[in-house]
Amino acid sequence: MAMDLLRQLAGSSLPATFHTPAEIDKIKLLRAAGLVIALTPAPSNSLTLSGPADAAQVLAITNKGREELAKFSLPGDVPPMPPAREPWWKARLNSAVNSSRAPWR
């Protein structure tokens, strides 16, 4: 299934290259769905649009791909995307509020 390959990609370092026709077809599906940014081979015979494919390279997982991974993750899975950082102004505001609540010595 293509989602299994997407999950595998989320846990590996990118770019990743794949050579088997089955993997290349899955990467083409993921790219067509907008879940990954990938370079896929053009058909070797441009007249018949057929021929063997050499390799496909996945460069990145898109935000849409990460959202889909979050929907399909199992309870024990590691989250595919780190939590967003707090804006600097909000962190400073929270630290100021927390320091003003500290007991005086």
PDB file of N, CA and C in Angstrom:
ATOM      1  N   MET A   1       0.838  -1.177   0.000  1.00  0.00           N
ATOM      2  CA  MET A   1       0.000   0.000   0.000  1.00  0.00           C
ATOM      3  C   MET A   1       0.889   1.248   0.000  1.00  0.00           C
ATOM      4  N   ALA A   2       0.454   2.270  -0.666  1.00  0.00           N
ATOM      5  CA  ALA A   2       1.244   3.497  -0.778  1.00  0.00           C
ATOM      6  C   ALA A   2       1.419   4.196   0.573  1.00  0.00           C
ATOM      7  N   MET A   3       0.424   4.094   1.460  1.00  0.00           N
ATOM      8  CA  MET A   3       0.542   4.734   2.774  1.00  0.00           C
ATOM      9  C   MET A   3       1.634   4.076   3.610  1.00  0.00           C
ATOM     10  N   ASP A   4       1.853   2.777   3.409  1.00  0.00           N
ATOM     11  CA  ASP A   4       2.953   2.108   4.108  1.00  0.00           C
ATOM     12  C   ASP A   4       4.288   2.682   3.657  1.00  0.00           C
ATOM     13  N   LEU A   5       4.404   2.939   2.362  1.00  0.00           N
ATOM     14  CA  LEU A   5       5.633   3.535   1.843  1.00  0.00           C
ATOM     15  C   LEU A   5       5.790   4.957   2.375  1.00  0.00           C
ATOM     16  N   LEU A   6       4.705   5.696   2.482  1.00  0.00           N
ATOM     17  CA  LEU A   6       4.765   7.057   3.037  1.00  0.00           C
ATOM     18  C   LEU A   6       5.218   7.016   4.500  1.00  0.00           C
ATOM     19  N   ARG A   7       4.713   6.055   5.250  1.00  0.00           N
ATOM     20  CA  ARG A   7       5.126   5.898   6.650  1.00  0.00           C
ATOM     21  C   ARG A   7       6.609   5.543   6.725  1.00  0.00           C
ATOM     22  N   GLN A   8       7.065   4.686   5.808  1.00  0.00           N
ATOM     23  CA  GLN A   8       8.479   4.316   5.753  1.00  0.00           C
ATOM     24  C   GLN A   8       9.335   5.541   5.426  1.00  0.00           C
ATOM     25  N   LEU A   9       8.872   6.372   4.507  1.00  0.00           N
ATOM     26  CA  LEU A   9       9.606   7.576   4.138  1.00  0.00           C
ATOM     27  C   LEU A   9       9.705   8.550   5.308  1.00  0.00           C
ATOM     28  N   ALA A  10       8.650   8.628   6.108  1.00  0.00           N
ATOM     29  CA  ALA A  10       8.651   9.552   7.246  1.00  0.00           C
ATOM     30  C   ALA A  10       9.708   9.161   8.272  1.00  0.00           C
ATOM     31  N   GLY A  11      10.034   7.881   8.336  1.00  0.00           N
ATOM     32  CA  GLY A  11      11.023   7.429   9.295  1.00  0.00           C
ATOM     33  C   GLY A  11      12.432   7.325   8.742  1.00  0.00           C
ATOM     34  N   SER A  12      12.635   7.704   7.498  1.00  0.00           N
ATOM     35  CA  SER A  12      13.967   7.592   6.899  1.00  0.00           C
ATOM     36  C   SER A  12      14.488   8.969   6.510  1.00  0.00           C
ATOM     37  N   SER A  13      15.768   9.004   6.205  1.00  0.00           N
ATOM     38  CA  SER A  13      16.356  10.280   5.770  1.00  0.00           C
ATOM     39  C   SER A  13      16.084  10.464   4.277  1.00  0.00           C
ATOM     40  N   LEU A  14      15.814  11.685   3.928  1.00  0.00           N
ATOM     41  CA  LEU A  14      15.500  12.009   2.534  1.00  0.00           C
ATOM     42  C   LEU A  14      16.616  12.855   1.960  1.00  0.00           C
ATOM     43  N   PRO A  15      16.893  12.783   0.696  1.00  0.00           N
ATOM     44  CA  PRO A  15      16.173  12.087  -0.361  1.00  0.00           C
ATOM     45  C   PRO A  15      16.409  10.584  -0.310  1.00  0.00           C
ATOM     46  N   ALA A  16      15.404   9.843  -0.785  1.00  0.00           N
ATOM     47  CA  ALA A  16      15.471   8.386  -0.842  1.00  0.00           C
ATOM     48  C   ALA A  16      15.212   7.951  -2.278  1.00  0.00           C
ATOM     49  N   THR A  17      15.962   6.960  -2.726  1.00  0.00           N
ATOM     50  CA  THR A  17      15.852   6.473  -4.102  1.00  0.00           C
ATOM     51  C   THR A  17      15.294   5.057  -4.101  1.00  0.00           C
ATOM     52  N   PHE A  18      14.396   4.792  -5.045  1.00  0.00           N
ATOM     53  CA  PHE A  18      13.762   3.475  -5.169  1.00  0.00           C
ATOM     54  C   PHE A  18      13.920   2.988  -6.606  1.00  0.00           C
ATOM     55  N   HIS A  19      14.127   1.677  -6.751  1.00  0.00           N
ATOM     56  CA  HIS A  19      14.432   1.117  -8.066  1.00  0.00           C
ATOM     57  C   HIS A  19      13.410   0.100  -8.569  1.00  0.00           C
ATOM     58  N   THR A  20      12.639  -0.526  -7.709  1.00  0.00           N
ATOM     59  CA  THR A  20      11.715  -1.560  -8.186  1.00  0.00           C
ATOM     60  C   THR A  20      10.483  -0.913  -8.813  1.00  0.00           C
ATOM     61  N   PRO A  21       9.925  -1.557  -9.841  1.00  0.00           N
ATOM     62  CA  PRO A  21       8.739  -0.994 -10.498  1.00  0.00           C
ATOM     63  C   PRO A  21       7.556  -0.795  -9.540  1.00  0.00           C
ATOM     64  N   ALA A  22       7.382  -1.696  -8.575  1.00  0.00           N
ATOM     65  CA  ALA A  22       6.268  -1.557  -7.628  1.00  0.00           C
ATOM     66  C   ALA A  22       6.453  -0.318  -6.756  1.00  0.00           C
ATOM     67  N   GLU A  23       7.665  -0.085  -6.283  1.00  0.00           N
ATOM     68  CA  GLU A  23       7.929   1.096  -5.460  1.00  0.00           C
ATOM     69  C   GLU A  23       7.781   2.379  -6.279  1.00  0.00           C
ATOM     70  N   ILE A  24       8.247   2.349  -7.509  1.00  0.00           N
ATOM     71  CA  ILE A  24       8.136   3.527  -8.375  1.00  0.00           C
ATOM     72  C   ILE A  24       6.669   3.867  -8.619  1.00  0.00           C
ATOM     73  N   ASP A  25       5.832   2.834  -8.820  1.00  0.00           N
ATOM     74  CA  ASP A  25       4.397   3.078  -9.017  1.00  0.00           C
ATOM     75  C   ASP A  25       3.769   3.696  -7.772  1.00  0.00           C
ATOM     76  N   LYS A  26       4.167   3.223  -6.583  1.00  0.00           N
ATOM     77  CA  LYS A  26       3.637   3.789  -5.341  1.00  0.00           C
ATOM     78  C   LYS A  26       4.069   5.242  -5.180  1.00  0.00           C
ATOM     79  N   ILE A  27       5.306   5.535  -5.545  1.00  0.00           N
ATOM     80  CA  ILE A  27       5.798   6.911  -5.446  1.00  0.00           C
ATOM     81  C   ILE A  27       5.045   7.811  -6.413  1.00  0.00           C
ATOM     82  N   LYS A  28       4.748   7.300  -7.596  1.00  0.00           N
ATOM     83  CA  LYS A  28       3.959   8.083  -8.553  1.00  0.00           C
ATOM     84  C   LYS A  28       2.567   8.383  -7.993  1.00  0.00           C
ATOM     85  N   LEU A  29       1.968   7.408  -7.306  1.00  0.00           N
ATOM     86  CA  LEU A  29       0.653   7.633  -6.686  1.00  0.00           C
ATOM     87  C   LEU A  29       0.737   8.690  -5.590  1.00  0.00           C
ATOM     88  N   LEU A  30       1.764   8.585  -4.744  1.00  0.00           N
ATOM     89  CA  LEU A  30       1.936   9.559  -3.667  1.00  0.00           C
ATOM     90  C   LEU A  30       2.167  10.962  -4.220  1.00  0.00           C
ATOM     91  N   ARG A  31       2.949  11.047  -5.292  1.00  0.00           N
ATOM     92  CA  ARG A  31       3.205  12.357  -5.901  1.00  0.00           C
ATOM     93  C   ARG A  31       1.936  12.920  -6.539  1.00  0.00           C
ATOM     94  N   ALA A  32       1.171  12.065  -7.218  1.00  0.00           N
ATOM     95  CA  ALA A  32      -0.075  12.525  -7.845  1.00  0.00           C
ATOM     96  C   ALA A  32      -1.079  13.006  -6.805  1.00  0.00           C
ATOM     97  N   ALA A  33      -1.050  12.411  -5.613  1.00  0.00           N
ATOM     98  CA  ALA A  33      -1.951  12.826  -4.543  1.00  0.00           C
ATOM     99  C   ALA A  33      -1.448  14.062  -3.812  1.00  0.00           C
ATOM    100  N   GLY A  34      -0.231  14.505  -4.126  1.00  0.00           N
ATOM    101  CA  GLY A  34       0.321  15.696  -3.488  1.00  0.00           C
ATOM    102  C   GLY A  34       0.904  15.431  -2.114  1.00  0.00           C
ATOM    103  N   LEU A  35       1.251  14.170  -1.820  1.00  0.00           N
ATOM    104  CA  LEU A  35       1.761  13.817  -0.506  1.00  0.00           C
ATOM    105  C   LEU A  35       3.284  13.883  -0.423  1.00  0.00           C
ATOM    106  N   VAL A  36       3.961  13.782  -1.566  1.00  0.00           N
ATOM    107  CA  VAL A  36       5.420  13.860  -1.595  1.00  0.00           C
ATOM    108  C   VAL A  36       5.873  14.713  -2.769  1.00  0.00           C
ATOM    109  N   ILE A  37       7.099  15.205  -2.662  1.00  0.00           N
ATOM    110  CA  ILE A  37       7.765  15.846  -3.790  1.00  0.00           C
ATOM    111  C   ILE A  37       8.770  14.817  -4.277  1.00  0.00           C
ATOM    112  N   ALA A  38       8.611  14.371  -5.520  1.00  0.00           N
ATOM    113  CA  ALA A  38       9.442  13.283  -6.016  1.00  0.00           C
ATOM    114  C   ALA A  38       9.799  13.494  -7.479  1.00  0.00           C
ATOM    115  N   LEU A  39      10.938  12.931  -7.845  1.00  0.00           N
ATOM    116  CA  LEU A  39      11.363  12.878  -9.236  1.00  0.00           C
ATOM    117  C   LEU A  39      11.109  11.460  -9.717  1.00  0.00           C
ATOM    118  N   THR A  40      10.245  11.342 -10.708  1.00  0.00           N
ATOM    119  CA  THR A  40       9.939  10.014 -11.242  1.00  0.00           C
ATOM    120  C   THR A  40      10.409   9.950 -12.681  1.00  0.00           C
ATOM    121  N   PRO A  41      10.795   8.761 -13.119  1.00  0.00           N
ATOM    122  CA  PRO A  41      11.352   8.642 -14.467  1.00  0.00           C
ATOM    123  C   PRO A  41      10.298   8.811 -15.551  1.00  0.00           C
ATOM    124  N   ALA A  42      10.726   9.376 -16.641  1.00  0.00           N
ATOM    125  CA  ALA A  42       9.873   9.464 -17.821  1.00  0.00           C
ATOM    126  C   ALA A  42       9.928   8.122 -18.535  1.00  0.00           C
ATOM    127  N   PRO A  43       8.898   7.778 -19.266  1.00  0.00           N
ATOM    128  CA  PRO A  43       8.941   6.522 -20.018  1.00  0.00           C
ATOM    129  C   PRO A  43      10.115   6.536 -20.999  1.00  0.00           C
ATOM    130  N   SER A  44      10.731   5.377 -21.180  1.00  0.00           N
ATOM    131  CA  SER A  44      11.894   5.328 -22.062  1.00  0.00           C
ATOM    132  C   SER A  44      11.507   5.477 -23.529  1.00  0.00           C
ATOM    133  N   ASN A  45      10.292   5.095 -23.889  1.00  0.00           N
ATOM    134  CA  ASN A  45       9.821   5.253 -25.255  1.00  0.00           C
ATOM    135  C   ASN A  45       8.733   6.323 -25.247  1.00  0.00           C
ATOM    136  N   SER A  46       9.061   7.503 -25.722  1.00  0.00           N
ATOM    137  CA  SER A  46       8.112   8.622 -25.646  1.00  0.00           C
ATOM    138  C   SER A  46       6.938   8.479 -26.613  1.00  0.00           C
ATOM    139  N   LEU A  47       7.052   7.637 -27.632  1.00  0.00           N
ATOM    140  CA  LEU A  47       5.937   7.452 -28.559  1.00  0.00           C
ATOM    141  C   LEU A  47       4.845   6.568 -27.961  1.00  0.00           C
ATOM    142  N   THR A  48       5.238   5.505 -27.274  1.00  0.00           N
ATOM    143  CA  THR A  48       4.243   4.599 -26.703  1.00  0.00           C
ATOM    144  C   THR A  48       4.014   4.861 -25.220  1.00  0.00           C
ATOM    145  N   LEU A  49       4.801   5.784 -24.642  1.00  0.00           N
ATOM    146  CA  LEU A  49       4.729   6.102 -23.217  1.00  0.00           C
ATOM    147  C   LEU A  49       4.872   4.850 -22.357  1.00  0.00           C
ATOM    148  N   SER A  50       5.815   4.026 -22.725  1.00  0.00           N
ATOM    149  CA  SER A  50       6.080   2.812 -21.964  1.00  0.00           C
ATOM    150  C   SER A  50       7.574   2.562 -21.925  1.00  0.00           C
ATOM    151  N   GLY A  51       7.938   1.551 -21.204  1.00  0.00           N
ATOM    152  CA  GLY A  51       9.338   1.174 -21.088  1.00  0.00           C
ATOM    153  C   GLY A  51       9.740   1.084 -19.637  1.00  0.00           C
ATOM    154  N   PRO A  52      10.878   0.497 -19.378  1.00  0.00           N
ATOM    155  CA  PRO A  52      11.302   0.320 -17.984  1.00  0.00           C
ATOM    156  C   PRO A  52      11.688   1.645 -17.334  1.00  0.00           C
ATOM    157  N   ALA A  53      11.358   1.748 -16.083  1.00  0.00           N
ATOM    158  CA  ALA A  53      11.735   2.928 -15.309  1.00  0.00           C
ATOM    159  C   ALA A  53      12.987   2.598 -14.515  1.00  0.00           C
ATOM    160  N   ASP A  54      13.941   3.510 -14.498  1.00  0.00           N
ATOM    161  CA  ASP A  54      15.207   3.244 -13.816  1.00  0.00           C
ATOM    162  C   ASP A  54      15.104   3.437 -12.318  1.00  0.00           C
ATOM    163  N   ALA A  55      14.647   4.594 -11.879  1.00  0.00           N
ATOM    164  CA  ALA A  55      14.583   4.891 -10.451  1.00  0.00           C
ATOM    165  C   ALA A  55      13.681   6.088 -10.209  1.00  0.00           C
ATOM    166  N   ALA A  56      13.214   6.201  -8.984  1.00  0.00           N
ATOM    167  CA  ALA A  56      12.439   7.366  -8.547  1.00  0.00           C
ATOM    168  C   ALA A  56      13.073   7.864  -7.260  1.00  0.00           C
ATOM    169  N   GLN A  57      13.084   9.174  -7.103  1.00  0.00           N
ATOM    170  CA  GLN A  57      13.706   9.766  -5.922  1.00  0.00           C
ATOM    171  C   GLN A  57      12.694  10.653  -5.210  1.00  0.00           C
ATOM    172  N   VAL A  58      12.492  10.383  -3.924  1.00  0.00           N
ATOM    173  CA  VAL A  58      11.600  11.190  -3.098  1.00  0.00           C
ATOM    174  C   VAL A  58      12.454  12.242  -2.406  1.00  0.00           C
ATOM    175  N   LEU A  59      12.104  13.504  -2.630  1.00  0.00           N
ATOM    176  CA  LEU A  59      12.869  14.609  -2.066  1.00  0.00           C
ATOM    177  C   LEU A  59      12.326  15.064  -0.718  1.00  0.00           C
ATOM    178  N   ALA A  60      11.000  15.074  -0.564  1.00  0.00           N
ATOM    179  CA  ALA A  60      10.401  15.575   0.674  1.00  0.00           C
ATOM    180  C   ALA A  60       8.974  15.081   0.805  1.00  0.00           C
ATOM    181  N   ILE A  61       8.478  15.097   2.026  1.00  0.00           N
ATOM    182  CA  ILE A  61       7.072  14.830   2.304  1.00  0.00           C
ATOM    183  C   ILE A  61       6.395  16.184   2.480  1.00  0.00           C
ATOM    184  N   THR A  62       5.300  16.389   1.796  1.00  0.00           N
ATOM    185  CA  THR A  62       4.606  17.673   1.854  1.00  0.00           C
ATOM    186  C   THR A  62       3.822  17.792   3.165  1.00  0.00           C
ATOM    187  N   ASN A  63       3.331  18.989   3.448  1.00  0.00           N
ATOM    188  CA  ASN A  63       2.484  19.190   4.632  1.00  0.00           C
ATOM    189  C   ASN A  63       1.236  18.331   4.546  1.00  0.00           C
ATOM    190  N   LYS A  64       0.681  18.222   3.353  1.00  0.00           N
ATOM    191  CA  LYS A  64      -0.495  17.375   3.157  1.00  0.00           C
ATOM    192  C   LYS A  64      -0.154  15.920   3.474  1.00  0.00           C
ATOM    193  N   GLY A  65       1.040  15.490   3.073  1.00  0.00           N
ATOM    194  CA  GLY A  65       1.482  14.131   3.374  1.00  0.00           C
ATOM    195  C   GLY A  65       1.621  13.898   4.863  1.00  0.00           C
ATOM    196  N   ARG A  66       2.137  14.881   5.585  1.00  0.00           N
ATOM    197  CA  ARG A  66       2.280  14.753   7.044  1.00  0.00           C
ATOM    198  C   ARG A  66       0.916  14.739   7.732  1.00  0.00           C
ATOM    199  N   GLU A  67      -0.028  15.510   7.187  1.00  0.00           N
ATOM    200  CA  GLU A  67      -1.381  15.489   7.746  1.00  0.00           C
ATOM    201  C   GLU A  67      -2.026  14.117   7.555  1.00  0.00           C
ATOM    202  N   GLU A  68      -1.831  13.526   6.375  1.00  0.00           N
ATOM    203  CA  GLU A  68      -2.368  12.192   6.115  1.00  0.00           C
ATOM    204  C   GLU A  68      -1.719  11.156   7.028  1.00  0.00           C
ATOM    205  N   LEU A  69      -0.421  11.287   7.256  1.00  0.00           N
ATOM    206  CA  LEU A  69       0.264  10.371   8.168  1.00  0.00           C
ATOM    207  C   LEU A  69      -0.317  10.472   9.570  1.00  0.00           C
ATOM    208  N   ALA A  70      -0.628  11.676  10.007  1.00  0.00           N
ATOM    209  CA  ALA A  70      -1.194  11.865  11.343  1.00  0.00           C
ATOM    210  C   ALA A  70      -2.568  11.204  11.445  1.00  0.00           C
ATOM    211  N   LYS A  71      -3.332  11.205  10.367  1.00  0.00           N
ATOM    212  CA  LYS A  71      -4.651  10.571  10.376  1.00  0.00           C
ATOM    213  C   LYS A  71      -4.541   9.057  10.470  1.00  0.00           C
ATOM    214  N   PHE A  72      -3.520   8.486   9.824  1.00  0.00           N
ATOM    215  CA  PHE A  72      -3.410   7.040   9.735  1.00  0.00           C
ATOM    216  C   PHE A  72      -2.425   6.433  10.720  1.00  0.00           C
ATOM    217  N   SER A  73      -1.913   7.214  11.660  1.00  0.00           N
ATOM    218  CA  SER A  73      -0.937   6.667  12.591  1.00  0.00           C
ATOM    219  C   SER A  73      -1.633   5.796  13.632  1.00  0.00           C
ATOM    220  N   LEU A  74      -0.916   4.787  14.073  1.00  0.00           N
ATOM    221  CA  LEU A  74      -1.415   3.880  15.092  1.00  0.00           C
ATOM    222  C   LEU A  74      -1.060   4.427  16.462  1.00  0.00           C
ATOM    223  N   PRO A  75      -1.717   3.960  17.521  1.00  0.00           N
ATOM    224  CA  PRO A  75      -1.476   4.523  18.854  1.00  0.00           C
ATOM    225  C   PRO A  75      -0.019   4.496  19.301  1.00  0.00           C
ATOM    226  N   GLY A  76       0.763   3.493  18.921  1.00  0.00           N
ATOM    227  CA  GLY A  76       2.143   3.409  19.369  1.00  0.00           C
ATOM    228  C   GLY A  76       3.143   4.072  18.449  1.00  0.00           C
ATOM    229  N   ASP A  77       2.691   4.634  17.334  1.00  0.00           N
ATOM    230  CA  ASP A  77       3.595   5.242  16.357  1.00  0.00           C
ATOM    231  C   ASP A  77       4.190   6.545  16.874  1.00  0.00           C
ATOM    232  N   VAL A  78       5.380   6.832  16.399  1.00  0.00           N
ATOM    233  CA  VAL A  78       6.022   8.106  16.697  1.00  0.00           C
ATOM    234  C   VAL A  78       5.378   9.152  15.801  1.00  0.00           C
ATOM    235  N   PRO A  79       5.046  10.327  16.327  1.00  0.00           N
ATOM    236  CA  PRO A  79       4.432  11.347  15.473  1.00  0.00           C
ATOM    237  C   PRO A  79       5.365  11.722  14.326  1.00  0.00           C
ATOM    238  N   PRO A  80       4.842  11.850  13.109  1.00  0.00           N
ATOM    239  CA  PRO A  80       5.681  12.128  11.954  1.00  0.00           C
ATOM    240  C   PRO A  80       6.216  13.552  11.909  1.00  0.00           C
ATOM    241  N   MET A  81       5.625  14.443  12.666  1.00  0.00           N
ATOM    242  CA  MET A  81       6.019  15.845  12.600  1.00  0.00           C
ATOM    243  C   MET A  81       6.222  16.369  14.016  1.00  0.00           C
ATOM    244  N   PRO A  82       7.324  17.037  14.267  1.00  0.00           N
ATOM    245  CA  PRO A  82       7.509  17.581  15.612  1.00  0.00           C
ATOM    246  C   PRO A  82       6.474  18.668  15.899  1.00  0.00           C
ATOM    247  N   PRO A  83       6.124  18.854  17.170  1.00  0.00           N
ATOM    248  CA  PRO A  83       5.141  19.897  17.486  1.00  0.00           C
ATOM    249  C   PRO A  83       5.678  21.275  17.119  1.00  0.00           C
ATOM    250  N   ALA A  84       4.774  22.133  16.744  1.00  0.00           N
ATOM    251  CA  ALA A  84       5.163  23.486  16.338  1.00  0.00           C
ATOM    252  C   ALA A  84       5.726  24.247  17.532  1.00  0.00           C
ATOM    253  N   ARG A  85       6.718  25.066  17.260  1.00  0.00           N
ATOM    254  CA  ARG A  85       7.305  25.877  18.329  1.00  0.00           C
ATOM    255  C   ARG A  85       6.399  27.046  18.650  1.00  0.00           C
ATOM    256  N   GLU A  86       6.495  27.468  19.891  1.00  0.00           N
ATOM    257  CA  GLU A  86       5.714  28.607  20.355  1.00  0.00           C
ATOM    258  C   GLU A  86       6.349  29.889  19.815  1.00  0.00           C
ATOM    259  N   PRO A  87       5.550  30.860  19.342  1.00  0.00           N
ATOM    260  CA  PRO A  87       6.136  32.118  18.873  1.00  0.00           C
ATOM    261  C   PRO A  87       6.928  32.794  19.990  1.00  0.00           C
ATOM    262  N   TRP A  88       7.954  33.547  19.604  1.00  0.00           N
ATOM    263  CA  TRP A  88       8.852  34.165  20.595  1.00  0.00           C
ATOM    264  C   TRP A  88       8.103  35.090  21.539  1.00  0.00           C
ATOM    265  N   TRP A  89       7.123  35.827  21.006  1.00  0.00           N
ATOM    266  CA  TRP A  89       6.413  36.783  21.841  1.00  0.00           C
ATOM    267  C   TRP A  89       5.535  36.070  22.867  1.00  0.00           C
ATOM    268  N   LYS A  90       4.990  34.925  22.496  1.00  0.00           N
ATOM    269  CA  LYS A  90       4.143  34.182  23.412  1.00  0.00           C
ATOM    270  C   LYS A  90       4.984  33.538  24.521  1.00  0.00           C
ATOM    271  N   ALA A  91       6.154  33.039  24.150  1.00  0.00           N
ATOM    272  CA  ALA A  91       7.053  32.447  25.141  1.00  0.00           C
ATOM    273  C   ALA A  91       7.504  33.513  26.140  1.00  0.00           C
ATOM    274  N   ARG A  92       7.816  34.707  25.648  1.00  0.00           N
ATOM    275  CA  ARG A  92       8.257  35.786  26.537  1.00  0.00           C
ATOM    276  C   ARG A  92       7.115  36.234  27.454  1.00  0.00           C
ATOM    277  N   LEU A  93       5.904  36.294  26.900  1.00  0.00           N
ATOM    278  CA  LEU A  93       4.749  36.663  27.698  1.00  0.00           C
ATOM    279  C   LEU A  93       4.504  35.626  28.793  1.00  0.00           C
ATOM    280  N   ASN A  94       4.569  34.355  28.438  1.00  0.00           N
ATOM    281  CA  ASN A  94       4.357  33.289  29.426  1.00  0.00           C
ATOM    282  C   ASN A  94       5.424  33.309  30.507  1.00  0.00           C
ATOM    283  N   SER A  95       6.670  33.561  30.130  1.00  0.00           N
ATOM    284  CA  SER A  95       7.724  33.598  31.149  1.00  0.00           C
ATOM    285  C   SER A  95       7.543  34.814  32.064  1.00  0.00           C
ATOM    286  N   ALA A  96       7.075  35.935  31.520  1.00  0.00           N
ATOM    287  CA  ALA A  96       6.837  37.117  32.338  1.00  0.00           C
ATOM    288  C   ALA A  96       5.681  36.877  33.304  1.00  0.00           C
ATOM    289  N   VAL A  97       4.643  36.237  32.837  1.00  0.00           N
ATOM    290  CA  VAL A  97       3.487  35.943  33.687  1.00  0.00           C
ATOM    291  C   VAL A  97       3.892  34.958  34.771  1.00  0.00           C
ATOM    292  N   ASN A  98       4.648  33.933  34.402  1.00  0.00           N
ATOM    293  CA  ASN A  98       5.068  32.931  35.381  1.00  0.00           C
ATOM    294  C   ASN A  98       6.040  33.507  36.405  1.00  0.00           C
ATOM    295  N   SER A  99       6.906  34.415  36.001  1.00  0.00           N
ATOM    296  CA  SER A  99       7.850  35.000  36.957  1.00  0.00           C
ATOM    297  C   SER A  99       7.144  35.956  37.909  1.00  0.00           C
ATOM    298  N   SER A 100       6.065  36.585  37.462  1.00  0.00           N
ATOM    299  CA  SER A 100       5.342  37.494  38.351  1.00  0.00           C
ATOM    300  C   SER A 100       4.533  36.721  39.384  1.00  0.00           C
ATOM    301  N   ARG A 101       4.262  35.457  39.134  1.00  0.00           N
ATOM    302  CA  ARG A 101       3.506  34.635  40.078  1.00  0.00           C
ATOM    303  C   ARG A 101       4.426  33.923  41.063  1.00  0.00           C
ATOM    304  N   ALA A 102       5.721  34.059  40.882  1.00  0.00           N
ATOM    305  CA  ALA A 102       6.661  33.383  41.781  1.00  0.00           C
ATOM    306  C   ALA A 102       6.557  33.980  43.168  1.00  0.00           C
ATOM    307  N   PRO A 103       6.663  33.151  44.195  1.00  0.00           N
ATOM    308  CA  PRO A 103       6.570  33.688  45.569  1.00  0.00           C
ATOM    309  C   PRO A 103       7.785  34.567  45.865  1.00  0.00           C
ATOM    310  N   TRP A 104       7.533  35.631  46.594  1.00  0.00           N
ATOM    311  CA  TRP A 104       8.622  36.540  46.949  1.00  0.00           C
ATOM    312  C   TRP A 104       9.401  35.962  48.121  1.00  0.00           C
ATOM    313  N   ARG A 105      10.672  36.181  48.129  1.00  0.00           N
ATOM    314  CA  ARG A 105      11.496  35.629  49.201  1.00  0.00           C
ATOM    315  C   ARG A 105      11.922  36.689  50.144  1.00  0.00           C
TER     316      ARG A 105
END
